[in-house]
């Protein structure tokens, strides 16, 4: 369902300050921006974690994995984002957390 002011059904996607800071620390700020742009078109990208009610509105929580880039030294990261479908308008996505994936454990 799309709003008359958003005929393509796109949403507003934003990164929280904390998630942006963590992405920068991990060297993942550029790939996080690419994901943010993708989420404007595909807000349900990733694995659905759960659905909650926040302020009387439905919010869907998703996790998306971004592969590591060994050439740049960037680890794989998991990104958690919250999608609030409309109504209310406009639908929004909030990237809330960027967490490095645990490195593989050596065989014992």
C-alpha atoms as a PDB file:
ATOM      1  CA  UNK A   1       0.000   0.000   0.000  1.00  0.00           C
ATOM      2  CA  UNK A   2       1.433   3.402  -0.892  1.00  0.00           C
ATOM      3  CA  UNK A   3       0.576   6.918   0.158  1.00  0.00           C
ATOM      4  CA  UNK A   4      -0.549   9.425  -2.515  1.00  0.00           C
ATOM      5  CA  UNK A   5       2.583  11.480  -1.784  1.00  0.00           C
ATOM      6  CA  UNK A   6       4.764   8.391  -2.190  1.00  0.00           C
ATOM      7  CA  UNK A   7       3.560   6.649  -5.357  1.00  0.00           C
ATOM      8  CA  UNK A   8       6.532   4.275  -5.471  1.00  0.00           C
ATOM      9  CA  UNK A   9       5.889   3.057  -1.955  1.00  0.00           C
ATOM     10  CA  UNK A  10       9.303   4.211  -0.770  1.00  0.00           C
ATOM     11  CA  UNK A  11      10.024   4.902   2.863  1.00  0.00           C
ATOM     12  CA  UNK A  12      12.237   7.277   4.794  1.00  0.00           C
ATOM     13  CA  UNK A  13      15.328   5.470   6.119  1.00  0.00           C
ATOM     14  CA  UNK A  14      17.656   6.938   8.742  1.00  0.00           C
ATOM     15  CA  UNK A  15      20.614   5.790  10.820  1.00  0.00           C
ATOM     16  CA  UNK A  16      20.687   6.527  14.540  1.00  0.00           C
ATOM     17  CA  UNK A  17      23.694   8.451  15.826  1.00  0.00           C
ATOM     18  CA  UNK A  18      24.910   5.442  17.832  1.00  0.00           C
ATOM     19  CA  UNK A  19      24.655   3.077  14.851  1.00  0.00           C
ATOM     20  CA  UNK A  20      26.497   5.579  12.640  1.00  0.00           C
ATOM     21  CA  UNK A  21      29.253   5.951  15.229  1.00  0.00           C
ATOM     22  CA  UNK A  22      29.646   2.175  15.598  1.00  0.00           C
ATOM     23  CA  UNK A  23      29.701   1.677  11.816  1.00  0.00           C
ATOM     24  CA  UNK A  24      32.462   4.281  11.524  1.00  0.00           C
ATOM     25  CA  UNK A  25      34.482   2.571  14.276  1.00  0.00           C
ATOM     26  CA  UNK A  26      34.206  -0.721  12.369  1.00  0.00           C
ATOM     27  CA  UNK A  27      34.971   0.806   8.962  1.00  0.00           C
ATOM     28  CA  UNK A  28      31.465  -0.064   7.789  1.00  0.00           C
ATOM     29  CA  UNK A  29      30.073   3.444   7.308  1.00  0.00           C
ATOM     30  CA  UNK A  30      30.106   3.263   3.496  1.00  0.00           C
ATOM     31  CA  UNK A  31      28.366  -0.111   3.313  1.00  0.00           C
ATOM     32  CA  UNK A  32      25.877   1.036   5.952  1.00  0.00           C
ATOM     33  CA  UNK A  33      24.938   3.967   3.710  1.00  0.00           C
ATOM     34  CA  UNK A  34      24.432   1.556   0.801  1.00  0.00           C
ATOM     35  CA  UNK A  35      22.165  -0.555   3.019  1.00  0.00           C
ATOM     36  CA  UNK A  36      20.248   2.569   4.118  1.00  0.00           C
ATOM     37  CA  UNK A  37      19.568   3.437   0.492  1.00  0.00           C
ATOM     38  CA  UNK A  38      18.450  -0.145  -0.210  1.00  0.00           C
ATOM     39  CA  UNK A  39      16.080  -0.049   2.766  1.00  0.00           C
ATOM     40  CA  UNK A  40      14.287   2.958   1.255  1.00  0.00           C
ATOM     41  CA  UNK A  41      13.113   0.579  -1.481  1.00  0.00           C
ATOM     42  CA  UNK A  42      13.046  -2.744   0.385  1.00  0.00           C
ATOM     43  CA  UNK A  43      12.327  -2.000   4.070  1.00  0.00           C
ATOM     44  CA  UNK A  44      11.697  -5.652   4.905  1.00  0.00           C
ATOM     45  CA  UNK A  45      15.177  -6.720   3.793  1.00  0.00           C
ATOM     46  CA  UNK A  46      16.773  -9.224   6.131  1.00  0.00           C
ATOM     47  CA  UNK A  47      15.476 -11.694   8.671  1.00  0.00           C
ATOM     48  CA  UNK A  48      12.406 -10.757  10.693  1.00  0.00           C
ATOM     49  CA  UNK A  49      13.334 -10.895  14.375  1.00  0.00           C
ATOM     50  CA  UNK A  50      10.011  -9.898  15.891  1.00  0.00           C
ATOM     51  CA  UNK A  51       7.053  -7.567  15.630  1.00  0.00           C
ATOM     52  CA  UNK A  52       6.256  -5.188  18.481  1.00  0.00           C
ATOM     53  CA  UNK A  53       3.828  -2.375  19.211  1.00  0.00           C
ATOM     54  CA  UNK A  54       5.467   0.967  19.921  1.00  0.00           C
ATOM     55  CA  UNK A  55       3.244   3.922  20.794  1.00  0.00           C
ATOM     56  CA  UNK A  56       0.228   2.078  19.438  1.00  0.00           C
ATOM     57  CA  UNK A  57       1.894   1.457  16.062  1.00  0.00           C
ATOM     58  CA  UNK A  58       3.234  -1.754  14.583  1.00  0.00           C
ATOM     59  CA  UNK A  59       7.056  -1.949  14.347  1.00  0.00           C
ATOM     60  CA  UNK A  60       8.894  -4.826  12.655  1.00  0.00           C
ATOM     61  CA  UNK A  61      12.479  -5.574  13.741  1.00  0.00           C
ATOM     62  CA  UNK A  62      14.882  -7.059  11.185  1.00  0.00           C
ATOM     63  CA  UNK A  63      18.495  -8.225  11.157  1.00  0.00           C
ATOM     64  CA  UNK A  64      20.669  -8.007   8.057  1.00  0.00           C
ATOM     65  CA  UNK A  65      24.207  -9.367   7.692  1.00  0.00           C
ATOM     66  CA  UNK A  66      26.851  -7.450   5.760  1.00  0.00           C
ATOM     67  CA  UNK A  67      29.728  -9.658   4.641  1.00  0.00           C
ATOM     68  CA  UNK A  68      33.291  -8.959   5.756  1.00  0.00           C
ATOM     69  CA  UNK A  69      35.785  -7.265   3.469  1.00  0.00           C
ATOM     70  CA  UNK A  70      39.186  -8.812   4.229  1.00  0.00           C
ATOM     71  CA  UNK A  71      40.946  -6.413   1.830  1.00  0.00           C
ATOM     72  CA  UNK A  72      39.895  -3.392   3.913  1.00  0.00           C
ATOM     73  CA  UNK A  73      39.977  -5.217   7.243  1.00  0.00           C
ATOM     74  CA  UNK A  74      36.243  -4.671   7.806  1.00  0.00           C
ATOM     75  CA  UNK A  75      34.610  -7.470   9.781  1.00  0.00           C
ATOM     76  CA  UNK A  76      31.231  -8.925   8.959  1.00  0.00           C
ATOM     77  CA  UNK A  77      28.529  -6.985  10.780  1.00  0.00           C
ATOM     78  CA  UNK A  78      24.936  -7.546  11.700  1.00  0.00           C
ATOM     79  CA  UNK A  79      22.638  -4.557  11.326  1.00  0.00           C
ATOM     80  CA  UNK A  80      19.352  -4.302  13.212  1.00  0.00           C
ATOM     81  CA  UNK A  81      16.692  -2.031  11.784  1.00  0.00           C
ATOM     82  CA  UNK A  82      13.135  -1.188  12.778  1.00  0.00           C
ATOM     83  CA  UNK A  83      10.492  -0.743  10.099  1.00  0.00           C
ATOM     84  CA  UNK A  84       7.330   1.167  10.953  1.00  0.00           C
ATOM     85  CA  UNK A  85       4.919   0.572   8.067  1.00  0.00           C
ATOM     86  CA  UNK A  86       2.182   3.092   7.431  1.00  0.00           C
ATOM     87  CA  UNK A  87       0.008   4.388   8.807  1.00  0.00           C
ATOM     88  CA  UNK A  88       1.217   6.770  10.158  1.00  0.00           C
ATOM     89  CA  UNK A  89       2.695   8.382   7.084  1.00  0.00           C
ATOM     90  CA  UNK A  90       5.374   8.285   6.003  1.00  0.00           C
ATOM     91  CA  UNK A  91       6.591   4.730   6.584  1.00  0.00           C
ATOM     92  CA  UNK A  92      10.032   4.781   8.194  1.00  0.00           C
ATOM     93  CA  UNK A  93      13.077   2.601   8.742  1.00  0.00           C
ATOM     94  CA  UNK A  94      15.437   3.266  11.629  1.00  0.00           C
ATOM     95  CA  UNK A  95      18.836   1.555  11.569  1.00  0.00           C
ATOM     96  CA  UNK A  96      19.413   1.137  15.281  1.00  0.00           C
ATOM     97  CA  UNK A  97      22.433  -1.124  15.791  1.00  0.00           C
ATOM     98  CA  UNK A  98      25.593  -2.267  14.030  1.00  0.00           C
ATOM     99  CA  UNK A  99      27.261  -5.219  15.727  1.00  0.00           C
ATOM    100  CA  UNK A 100      30.477  -6.946  14.588  1.00  0.00           C
ATOM    101  CA  UNK A 101      30.132 -10.650  14.026  1.00  0.00           C
ATOM    102  CA  UNK A 102      32.235 -12.827  16.292  1.00  0.00           C
ATOM    103  CA  UNK A 103      35.382 -14.008  14.533  1.00  0.00           C
ATOM    104  CA  UNK A 104      35.603 -17.721  13.781  1.00  0.00           C
ATOM    105  CA  UNK A 105      36.989 -19.735  16.665  1.00  0.00           C
ATOM    106  CA  UNK A 106      40.081 -21.801  15.963  1.00  0.00           C
ATOM    107  CA  UNK A 107      39.636 -25.530  16.161  1.00  0.00           C
ATOM    108  CA  UNK A 108      40.499 -26.873  19.601  1.00  0.00           C
END
